[in-house]
Amino acid sequence: MSTETDHAARAKDVLGFSRWWLIAAAAAMMAVVGPYQYVWSSLRSPVARHLGIEAAALSTVFTLFVAVQACSQFPVGWWRDRHGPRGVCALAAVLAGGGYVALGYATTVWQVYLVYSLGAFGVGIVYTVAVNTALKWFPDRRGLTTGVGTMAFAAGPAALVPYVRANTGPTVPDGAYVSLLRNVGILIFVVVLVGALVIRDPPAGWRDDSDDGTAEASNEAGAESAGASARRKQYTWREMLRTWQFWLLYAMFVAVSGSGLMLTEKIVDYAVYHDLAPVIATLAATLLPLSSAIGRLVLGEAADRFEPMRMTALSFLLCGLGLFAVVYFGIQGIAGVFVAAVVVATFFWSPKYTLFPMLVADYYGTKHSSANYALLYSGKTWGGVLGGTVTGLLVSSMGWDRTFLLGGALAVIAGLAAFALHAPPRATARTETAVAESDD
């Protein structure tokens, strides 16, 4: 508690207000850009009707969104670590808000792809800024605070779903559809712009780099002198890429992303394959975002109290077992337990968006955390390919059950791999400074 109070007091001295306001702003920004990912499935058919085309013609929009949102974060993170978050957040307000507004006025397929991709770039900015604001200001509560932001990204769009459905039905006038997108776009613009005015980065030296609030730091405190501890190495992205820990983390990220995105995108089809009642399939899909949001918060808080590596291993192992249970109870046709298994698998899959940022900050420091985590997050692109296109091919060649079992196996392997992780070696501030200067 004294460590938490100390960090809170230092932050308040710097900011002039509680650091929790930064998390509130980050969560609000994440909540309003979340519809790009979680509401598209409800928008695809209305957009197709508006253009007079089949919905299948827009099937690649979401894949492109995932790729742009994931890949945009490295250049944005690199810039933010050097120049702060305010300018890029203002750009995000224009791109993400403008993307939704422009979508209502798109008249061709290529325009839809363009405006949604520009919006995706804005979403990527918000995501990396929000997550790394938590890492930079809350070394003592990284799990909880990153969990709040990523939970908002998943749960926030749920409030918009009734409004979207009420204004996008086949009998709704076309003008309502345009007004819907314009209103949501304006909301995104205003909230992100206000967030840009609130969020900022801590000044250099506002705390000792050794005091990172992690279990590992406290364990090492007795082994290294106070002077050496204060000069813990802050890895640049180039240095991070030279460590085997990063590549193991990357492989784990891709594997678990593929398993989770397979579950998210295919669960309704899988339930139908096993002749489960349509209401069960819908219920399972409805509970996914809720379970996902709660899992990020609960496991993030747990990771603050226990070693993040162990929580990562536990989370992925239980995700894999949950996927095995989904297959078993799907084959048995036990609808209620099938839904429960879906909830369990999702609950333990989604915390990766909280746990991985913690591990990156613990292993490589917070000075370059935006760029460093962005490189790891780019694995979501490959996870999307694995959970989407590759899953479809596997279903065609080996069937639904074996494909889902393979997804569970990937999660279990990632969980076991986590036990091999440990922090890379430390270096002195003199070494870090020289490398940082050459990296700039």
Protein backbone atom coordinates (compact mmCIF):
# COMPACT_ATOMS: atom_id res chain seq x y z
CA MET A 1 0.00 0.00 0.00
CA SER A 2 2.88 2.39 0.79
CA THR A 3 4.31 1.88 -2.70
CA GLU A 4 0.93 2.61 -4.28
CA THR A 5 0.51 5.72 -2.12
CA ASP A 6 4.01 6.89 -3.01
CA HIS A 7 3.38 6.55 -6.75
CA ALA A 8 0.00 8.25 -6.45
CA ALA A 9 1.52 11.15 -4.51
CA ARG A 10 4.36 11.62 -6.99
CA ALA A 11 1.93 11.53 -9.90
CA LYS A 12 -0.36 14.08 -8.26
CA ASP A 13 2.59 16.40 -7.69
CA VAL A 14 3.41 16.21 -11.40
CA LEU A 15 -0.14 16.37 -12.77
CA GLY A 16 -1.93 18.52 -10.23
CA PHE A 17 -4.77 15.97 -10.11
CA SER A 18 -5.25 12.25 -9.54
CA ARG A 19 -3.61 9.97 -12.10
CA TRP A 20 -6.88 7.99 -12.23
CA TRP A 21 -8.32 10.76 -14.40
CA LEU A 22 -5.85 9.67 -17.08
CA ILE A 23 -7.26 6.13 -16.92
CA ALA A 24 -10.81 7.49 -17.08
CA ALA A 25 -9.91 9.45 -20.22
CA ALA A 26 -8.14 6.46 -21.76
CA ALA A 27 -11.10 4.17 -21.03
CA ALA A 28 -13.57 6.65 -22.53
CA MET A 29 -11.49 6.89 -25.70
CA MET A 30 -11.25 3.10 -25.95
CA ALA A 31 -15.00 2.71 -25.43
CA VAL A 32 -15.95 5.03 -28.29
CA VAL A 33 -13.55 3.54 -30.86
CA GLY A 34 -14.47 -0.04 -29.93
CA PRO A 35 -17.43 -0.10 -32.37
CA TYR A 36 -14.97 -0.33 -35.26
CA GLN A 37 -14.18 -3.87 -34.11
CA TYR A 38 -17.30 -4.99 -32.28
CA VAL A 39 -20.16 -3.33 -34.20
CA TRP A 40 -19.00 -4.02 -37.76
CA SER A 41 -20.88 -7.33 -37.84
CA SER A 42 -24.10 -5.35 -37.29
CA LEU A 43 -23.15 -2.72 -39.88
CA ARG A 44 -21.96 -4.88 -42.76
CA SER A 45 -25.42 -5.77 -44.12
CA PRO A 46 -26.79 -2.19 -43.82
CA VAL A 47 -23.71 -0.83 -45.59
CA ALA A 48 -24.17 -3.40 -48.35
CA ARG A 49 -27.86 -2.46 -48.74
CA HIS A 50 -26.90 1.21 -48.90
CA LEU A 51 -24.47 0.43 -51.73
CA GLY A 52 -26.82 -2.02 -53.46
CA ILE A 53 -24.35 -4.92 -53.26
CA GLU A 54 -24.11 -8.31 -51.57
CA ALA A 55 -22.70 -8.32 -48.04
CA ALA A 56 -20.05 -10.82 -49.18
CA ALA A 57 -18.42 -8.03 -51.20
CA LEU A 58 -17.44 -6.42 -47.89
CA SER A 59 -16.04 -9.58 -46.31
CA THR A 60 -12.45 -8.31 -46.33
CA VAL A 61 -13.20 -5.01 -44.60
CA PHE A 62 -12.81 -6.49 -41.11
CA THR A 63 -9.62 -8.35 -42.01
CA LEU A 64 -8.14 -5.11 -43.32
CA PHE A 65 -9.26 -3.31 -40.17
CA VAL A 66 -7.41 -5.83 -37.97
CA ALA A 67 -4.25 -5.50 -40.07
CA VAL A 68 -4.22 -1.69 -40.14
CA GLN A 69 -5.16 -1.33 -36.47
CA ALA A 70 -2.40 -3.70 -35.41
CA CYS A 71 0.35 -2.50 -37.76
CA SER A 72 -0.30 1.21 -37.15
CA GLN A 73 0.70 0.94 -33.52
CA PHE A 74 4.46 0.63 -34.00
CA PRO A 75 5.05 3.92 -35.85
CA VAL A 76 2.55 5.63 -33.57
CA GLY A 77 4.15 4.16 -30.46
CA TRP A 78 7.63 5.16 -31.63
CA TRP A 79 6.42 8.73 -32.15
CA ARG A 80 4.52 8.86 -28.87
CA ASP A 81 7.51 7.69 -26.82
CA ARG A 82 9.50 10.66 -28.19
CA HIS A 83 6.91 13.43 -28.60
CA GLY A 84 4.06 12.57 -26.24
CA PRO A 85 0.45 11.50 -26.87
CA ARG A 86 -1.39 14.77 -27.49
CA GLY A 87 -0.69 15.29 -31.20
CA VAL A 88 -1.33 11.69 -32.23
CA CYS A 89 -4.54 11.62 -30.18
CA ALA A 90 -5.81 14.69 -32.02
CA LEU A 91 -5.03 12.91 -35.29
CA ALA A 92 -6.91 9.85 -34.00
CA ALA A 93 -9.98 11.99 -33.31
CA VAL A 94 -10.01 13.14 -36.93
CA LEU A 95 -9.36 9.70 -38.43
CA ALA A 96 -11.61 7.58 -36.22
CA GLY A 97 -14.44 10.10 -36.00
CA GLY A 98 -14.17 11.09 -39.64
CA GLY A 99 -14.08 7.45 -40.72
CA TYR A 100 -17.53 6.76 -39.31
CA VAL A 101 -18.99 9.95 -40.72
CA ALA A 102 -17.51 9.29 -44.16
CA LEU A 103 -18.80 5.70 -44.12
CA GLY A 104 -22.34 7.04 -44.27
CA TYR A 105 -21.56 8.90 -47.49
CA ALA A 106 -19.53 6.17 -49.22
CA THR A 107 -20.98 5.24 -52.60
CA THR A 108 -18.55 2.56 -53.78
CA VAL A 109 -16.87 -0.48 -52.25
CA TRP A 110 -13.37 0.99 -52.50
CA GLN A 111 -14.54 4.06 -50.57
CA VAL A 112 -15.76 1.80 -47.74
CA TYR A 113 -12.39 0.07 -47.62
CA LEU A 114 -10.57 3.41 -47.62
CA VAL A 115 -12.56 5.20 -44.91
CA TYR A 116 -12.71 2.14 -42.64
CA SER A 117 -8.95 1.66 -42.96
CA LEU A 118 -8.32 5.31 -42.12
CA GLY A 119 -10.58 4.87 -39.12
CA ALA A 120 -8.64 1.73 -38.19
CA PHE A 121 -5.43 3.79 -38.09
CA GLY A 122 -7.15 6.13 -35.64
CA VAL A 123 -8.25 3.17 -33.54
CA GLY A 124 -4.66 1.92 -33.48
CA ILE A 125 -3.51 5.30 -32.16
CA VAL A 126 -6.09 5.30 -29.38
CA TYR A 127 -5.30 1.71 -28.42
CA THR A 128 -1.55 2.16 -28.05
CA VAL A 129 -1.92 5.50 -26.26
CA ALA A 130 -4.49 4.13 -23.80
CA VAL A 131 -2.60 0.94 -22.92
CA ASN A 132 0.75 2.67 -22.51
CA THR A 133 -0.70 5.51 -20.47
CA ALA A 134 -1.52 2.86 -17.88
CA LEU A 135 1.95 1.33 -18.12
CA LYS A 136 3.74 4.65 -17.76
CA TRP A 137 1.70 6.14 -14.89
CA PHE A 138 0.80 3.00 -12.90
CA PRO A 139 3.93 0.90 -12.36
CA ASP A 140 2.24 -0.41 -9.21
CA ARG A 141 -1.16 -1.27 -10.78
CA ARG A 142 -0.37 -2.16 -14.39
CA GLY A 143 -2.72 -5.13 -14.55
CA LEU A 144 -5.77 -3.34 -13.20
CA THR A 145 -5.30 -0.16 -15.22
CA THR A 146 -4.56 -1.83 -18.56
CA GLY A 147 -7.50 -4.09 -17.78
CA VAL A 148 -9.79 -1.08 -17.39
CA GLY A 149 -8.80 0.30 -20.79
CA THR A 150 -8.98 -2.95 -22.71
CA MET A 151 -12.25 -3.84 -20.96
CA ALA A 152 -13.74 -0.55 -22.15
CA PHE A 153 -12.68 -1.37 -25.72
CA ALA A 154 -14.67 -4.62 -25.55
CA ALA A 155 -17.62 -3.53 -23.38
CA GLY A 156 -18.19 0.05 -24.53
CA PRO A 157 -19.66 -0.86 -27.93
CA ALA A 158 -22.40 -2.92 -26.24
CA ALA A 159 -24.18 0.32 -25.33
CA LEU A 160 -24.36 1.27 -29.02
CA VAL A 161 -25.77 -2.02 -30.33
CA PRO A 162 -29.47 -1.22 -29.62
CA TYR A 163 -29.07 2.20 -31.25
CA VAL A 164 -27.37 0.66 -34.28
CA ARG A 165 -30.01 -2.02 -34.74
CA ALA A 166 -32.85 0.47 -34.35
CA ASN A 167 -31.46 2.56 -37.22
CA THR A 168 -30.19 -0.08 -39.64
CA GLY A 169 -33.08 -2.48 -40.24
CA PRO A 170 -34.30 -3.21 -43.79
CA THR A 171 -37.43 -1.09 -43.23
CA VAL A 172 -35.55 1.89 -41.79
CA PRO A 173 -35.20 4.89 -44.15
CA ASP A 174 -31.73 5.38 -45.61
CA GLY A 175 -31.46 8.76 -43.92
CA ALA A 176 -31.52 7.13 -40.49
CA TYR A 177 -28.51 5.02 -41.45
CA VAL A 178 -26.54 8.11 -42.49
CA SER A 179 -27.55 9.96 -39.31
CA LEU A 180 -26.48 6.99 -37.19
CA LEU A 181 -22.98 6.92 -38.63
CA ARG A 182 -22.67 10.70 -38.47
CA ASN A 183 -23.75 10.82 -34.82
CA VAL A 184 -21.40 8.01 -33.79
CA GLY A 185 -18.57 9.66 -35.71
CA ILE A 186 -19.15 12.97 -33.94
CA LEU A 187 -19.21 11.18 -30.58
CA ILE A 188 -15.89 9.50 -31.37
CA PHE A 189 -14.34 12.81 -32.48
CA VAL A 190 -15.43 14.73 -29.37
CA VAL A 191 -14.47 12.08 -26.80
CA VAL A 192 -11.06 11.36 -28.34
CA LEU A 193 -10.29 15.07 -28.73
CA VAL A 194 -11.15 15.73 -25.08
CA GLY A 195 -9.02 12.74 -24.14
CA ALA A 196 -6.13 14.25 -26.10
CA LEU A 197 -6.31 17.31 -23.85
CA VAL A 198 -6.20 15.21 -20.67
CA ILE A 199 -3.69 12.45 -21.41
CA ARG A 200 0.01 13.17 -21.10
CA ASP A 201 3.22 11.28 -20.37
CA PRO A 202 5.19 11.50 -17.12
CA PRO A 203 8.38 13.56 -17.18
CA ALA A 204 11.73 11.80 -17.14
CA GLY A 205 12.81 10.84 -13.66
CA TRP A 206 9.41 11.22 -11.99
CA ARG A 207 10.15 7.89 -10.29
CA ASP A 208 13.09 5.49 -10.00
CA ASP A 209 13.17 3.07 -12.94
CA SER A 210 13.88 0.31 -10.46
CA ASP A 211 10.56 0.79 -8.74
CA ASP A 212 8.31 -0.80 -11.30
CA GLY A 213 5.75 -2.27 -8.97
CA THR A 214 6.31 -5.83 -10.13
CA ALA A 215 6.88 -8.95 -8.12
CA GLU A 216 10.11 -9.48 -9.99
CA ALA A 217 11.44 -6.09 -9.01
CA SER A 218 10.81 -6.76 -5.34
CA ASN A 219 12.46 -10.19 -5.59
CA GLU A 220 15.56 -8.74 -7.20
CA ALA A 221 15.83 -5.82 -4.80
CA GLY A 222 17.95 -7.74 -2.34
CA ALA A 223 20.27 -9.03 -5.03
CA GLU A 224 21.30 -5.75 -6.59
CA SER A 225 22.50 -2.58 -4.95
CA ALA A 226 20.29 0.46 -4.77
CA GLY A 227 22.50 2.31 -7.22
CA ALA A 228 22.45 -0.46 -9.81
CA SER A 229 18.72 -0.93 -9.33
CA ALA A 230 18.11 2.72 -10.12
CA ARG A 231 19.88 2.22 -13.43
CA ARG A 232 17.79 -0.66 -14.79
CA LYS A 233 17.97 -1.00 -18.53
CA GLN A 234 15.18 0.50 -20.64
CA TYR A 235 15.22 -1.54 -23.86
CA THR A 236 14.73 0.12 -27.23
CA TRP A 237 12.74 -1.82 -29.82
CA ARG A 238 15.92 -2.87 -31.65
CA GLU A 239 17.42 -4.27 -28.46
CA MET A 240 14.18 -6.02 -27.61
CA LEU A 241 14.18 -7.81 -30.97
CA ARG A 242 17.58 -9.30 -30.09
CA THR A 243 16.20 -11.13 -27.05
CA TRP A 244 14.73 -14.63 -27.33
CA GLN A 245 12.04 -13.65 -24.82
CA PHE A 246 10.41 -11.33 -27.33
CA TRP A 247 10.13 -14.01 -30.00
CA LEU A 248 8.65 -16.48 -27.56
CA LEU A 249 6.15 -13.83 -26.47
CA TYR A 250 5.36 -13.14 -30.14
CA ALA A 251 4.73 -16.82 -30.89
CA MET A 252 2.49 -17.08 -27.82
CA PHE A 253 0.60 -13.94 -28.86
CA VAL A 254 -0.06 -15.27 -32.37
CA ALA A 255 -1.11 -18.71 -31.11
CA VAL A 256 -3.55 -17.42 -28.50
CA SER A 257 -4.88 -14.73 -30.86
CA GLY A 258 -5.62 -17.40 -33.45
CA SER A 259 -7.44 -19.58 -30.91
CA GLY A 260 -9.50 -16.71 -29.52
CA LEU A 261 -10.40 -15.13 -32.85
CA MET A 262 -11.43 -18.56 -34.13
CA LEU A 263 -13.81 -18.84 -31.18
CA THR A 264 -15.10 -15.29 -31.62
CA GLU A 265 -15.76 -15.54 -35.36
CA LYS A 266 -16.88 -19.16 -35.67
CA ILE A 267 -18.81 -19.97 -32.49
CA VAL A 268 -22.26 -19.40 -34.00
CA ASP A 269 -21.44 -21.58 -37.01
CA TYR A 270 -19.98 -24.23 -34.72
CA ALA A 271 -23.12 -24.29 -32.57
CA VAL A 272 -25.30 -24.62 -35.67
CA TYR A 273 -23.09 -27.48 -36.89
CA HIS A 274 -23.95 -29.42 -33.73
CA ASP A 275 -27.68 -28.66 -34.13
CA LEU A 276 -27.87 -26.61 -30.97
CA ALA A 277 -30.89 -24.33 -30.75
CA PRO A 278 -30.44 -20.98 -32.53
CA VAL A 279 -31.12 -19.16 -29.27
CA ILE A 280 -28.15 -21.00 -27.70
CA ALA A 281 -25.89 -19.95 -30.56
CA THR A 282 -27.03 -16.35 -30.20
CA LEU A 283 -26.62 -16.47 -26.41
CA ALA A 284 -23.08 -17.80 -26.73
CA ALA A 285 -22.16 -15.01 -29.15
CA THR A 286 -23.81 -12.38 -26.94
CA LEU A 287 -21.90 -13.46 -23.85
CA LEU A 288 -18.54 -13.35 -25.64
CA PRO A 289 -17.88 -9.59 -25.29
CA LEU A 290 -19.16 -9.54 -21.70
CA SER A 291 -16.96 -12.45 -20.65
CA SER A 292 -14.06 -10.93 -22.57
CA ALA A 293 -14.39 -7.59 -20.80
CA ILE A 294 -14.65 -9.06 -17.30
CA GLY A 295 -11.74 -11.44 -17.89
CA ARG A 296 -9.40 -8.59 -18.78
CA LEU A 297 -10.20 -6.73 -15.58
CA VAL A 298 -10.17 -9.71 -13.20
CA LEU A 299 -6.98 -11.32 -14.52
CA GLY A 300 -5.28 -7.93 -14.73
CA GLU A 301 -5.98 -7.28 -11.06
CA ALA A 302 -4.80 -10.80 -10.20
CA ALA A 303 -1.56 -10.24 -12.14
CA ASP A 304 -0.86 -7.18 -9.97
CA ARG A 305 -0.99 -9.43 -6.90
CA PHE A 306 0.81 -12.46 -8.30
CA GLU A 307 3.60 -12.91 -10.83
CA PRO A 308 2.34 -11.90 -14.32
CA MET A 309 4.15 -14.79 -16.01
CA ARG A 310 2.34 -17.34 -13.87
CA MET A 311 -1.02 -15.67 -14.46
CA THR A 312 -0.31 -15.74 -18.20
CA ALA A 313 0.42 -19.47 -18.08
CA LEU A 314 -2.70 -20.16 -16.01
CA SER A 315 -4.88 -18.01 -18.27
CA PHE A 316 -3.83 -19.70 -21.51
CA LEU A 317 -3.96 -23.23 -20.08
CA LEU A 318 -7.51 -22.68 -18.86
CA CYS A 319 -8.45 -21.11 -22.20
CA GLY A 320 -7.27 -24.27 -23.95
CA LEU A 321 -9.16 -26.50 -21.54
CA GLY A 322 -12.24 -24.34 -22.09
CA LEU A 323 -11.97 -24.89 -25.85
CA PHE A 324 -11.67 -28.63 -25.30
CA ALA A 325 -14.86 -28.42 -23.21
CA VAL A 326 -16.61 -26.48 -25.99
CA VAL A 327 -15.90 -29.36 -28.36
CA TYR A 328 -16.90 -32.07 -25.88
CA PHE A 329 -20.22 -30.53 -24.87
CA GLY A 330 -20.93 -29.52 -28.47
CA ILE A 331 -20.59 -33.16 -29.52
CA GLN A 332 -22.76 -34.23 -26.58
CA GLY A 333 -25.37 -31.59 -27.46
CA ILE A 334 -25.59 -30.26 -23.90
CA ALA A 335 -26.53 -26.67 -24.70
CA GLY A 336 -26.28 -25.03 -21.27
CA VAL A 337 -22.84 -26.40 -20.46
CA PHE A 338 -21.73 -25.63 -24.03
CA VAL A 339 -22.47 -21.94 -23.41
CA ALA A 340 -20.68 -22.09 -20.05
CA ALA A 341 -17.61 -23.56 -21.75
CA VAL A 342 -17.65 -20.74 -24.31
CA VAL A 343 -17.76 -18.20 -21.47
CA VAL A 344 -14.84 -19.89 -19.68
CA ALA A 345 -12.68 -20.07 -22.81
CA THR A 346 -13.33 -16.41 -23.63
CA PHE A 347 -12.80 -15.29 -20.03
CA PHE A 348 -9.30 -16.77 -20.01
CA TRP A 349 -8.40 -15.86 -23.61
CA SER A 350 -9.08 -12.13 -23.56
CA PRO A 351 -6.72 -11.20 -20.67
CA LYS A 352 -3.81 -11.52 -23.07
CA TYR A 353 -4.50 -7.89 -23.95
CA THR A 354 -3.79 -7.04 -20.31
CA LEU A 355 -1.07 -9.57 -19.48
CA PHE A 356 1.20 -9.04 -22.49
CA PRO A 357 1.58 -5.27 -21.95
CA MET A 358 2.55 -6.03 -18.35
CA LEU A 359 5.19 -8.54 -19.43
CA VAL A 360 6.65 -6.15 -22.01
CA ALA A 361 6.90 -3.38 -19.41
CA ASP A 362 8.34 -5.75 -16.80
CA TYR A 363 10.96 -7.18 -19.15
CA TYR A 364 11.89 -4.15 -21.24
CA GLY A 365 10.96 -1.09 -19.18
CA THR A 366 8.41 1.67 -19.75
CA LYS A 367 10.51 4.34 -21.49
CA HIS A 368 9.95 2.74 -24.91
CA SER A 369 6.88 0.70 -23.99
CA SER A 370 4.64 2.16 -26.71
CA ALA A 371 6.90 1.04 -29.55
CA ASN A 372 7.86 -2.21 -27.84
CA TYR A 373 4.33 -3.41 -27.15
CA ALA A 374 3.21 -2.25 -30.60
CA LEU A 375 5.68 -4.68 -32.18
CA LEU A 376 4.27 -7.52 -30.09
CA TYR A 377 0.69 -6.44 -30.83
CA SER A 378 1.38 -6.73 -34.56
CA GLY A 379 1.03 -10.46 -33.97
CA LYS A 380 -2.72 -9.86 -33.91
CA THR A 381 -2.55 -9.60 -37.70
CA TRP A 382 -1.23 -13.15 -38.00
CA GLY A 383 -3.62 -14.31 -35.32
CA GLY A 384 -6.46 -12.88 -37.38
CA VAL A 385 -5.29 -14.81 -40.43
CA LEU A 386 -4.98 -17.96 -38.32
CA GLY A 387 -8.38 -17.53 -36.69
CA GLY A 388 -10.14 -16.55 -39.91
CA THR A 389 -8.78 -17.73 -43.25
CA VAL A 390 -6.72 -20.67 -41.94
CA THR A 391 -9.56 -21.82 -39.70
CA GLY A 392 -11.92 -21.83 -42.67
CA LEU A 393 -9.51 -23.98 -44.68
CA LEU A 394 -9.02 -26.38 -41.77
CA VAL A 395 -12.76 -26.76 -41.27
CA SER A 396 -13.09 -27.73 -44.93
CA SER A 397 -10.27 -30.28 -44.73
CA MET A 398 -10.50 -31.79 -41.23
CA GLY A 399 -13.89 -30.79 -39.86
CA TRP A 400 -15.19 -28.50 -37.12
CA ASP A 401 -14.32 -30.59 -34.06
CA ARG A 402 -10.69 -31.25 -34.96
CA THR A 403 -10.20 -27.60 -35.90
CA PHE A 404 -11.50 -26.40 -32.52
CA LEU A 405 -9.39 -29.02 -30.74
CA LEU A 406 -6.34 -27.69 -32.60
CA GLY A 407 -7.22 -24.19 -31.40
CA GLY A 408 -7.36 -25.46 -27.83
CA ALA A 409 -4.01 -27.19 -28.27
CA LEU A 410 -2.41 -23.93 -29.44
CA ALA A 411 -3.64 -22.17 -26.30
CA VAL A 412 -2.32 -24.96 -24.07
CA ILE A 413 1.09 -24.88 -25.80
CA ALA A 414 1.24 -21.10 -25.30
CA GLY A 415 0.42 -21.58 -21.62
CA LEU A 416 3.17 -24.16 -21.16
CA ALA A 417 5.63 -21.93 -23.04
CA ALA A 418 5.00 -19.14 -20.53
CA PHE A 419 6.79 -21.17 -17.84
CA ALA A 420 10.02 -20.78 -19.84
CA LEU A 421 9.89 -16.98 -19.64
CA HIS A 422 12.15 -14.88 -17.47
CA ALA A 423 13.34 -11.31 -17.71
CA PRO A 424 16.28 -10.49 -20.02
CA PRO A 425 19.49 -9.15 -18.44
CA ARG A 426 19.77 -5.63 -17.09
CA ALA A 427 22.33 -2.94 -17.96
CA THR A 428 23.49 0.38 -16.58
CA ALA A 429 22.06 3.76 -17.39
CA ARG A 430 25.29 4.66 -19.26
CA THR A 431 24.71 1.78 -21.71
CA GLU A 432 21.05 2.63 -22.07
CA THR A 433 21.75 6.28 -22.81
CA ALA A 434 24.26 5.44 -25.52
CA VAL A 435 21.89 3.02 -27.21
CA ALA A 436 18.93 5.37 -26.96
CA GLU A 437 20.91 8.15 -28.59
CA SER A 438 21.95 5.89 -31.47
CA ASP A 439 18.35 4.66 -31.82
CA ASP A 440 17.03 8.20 -32.23
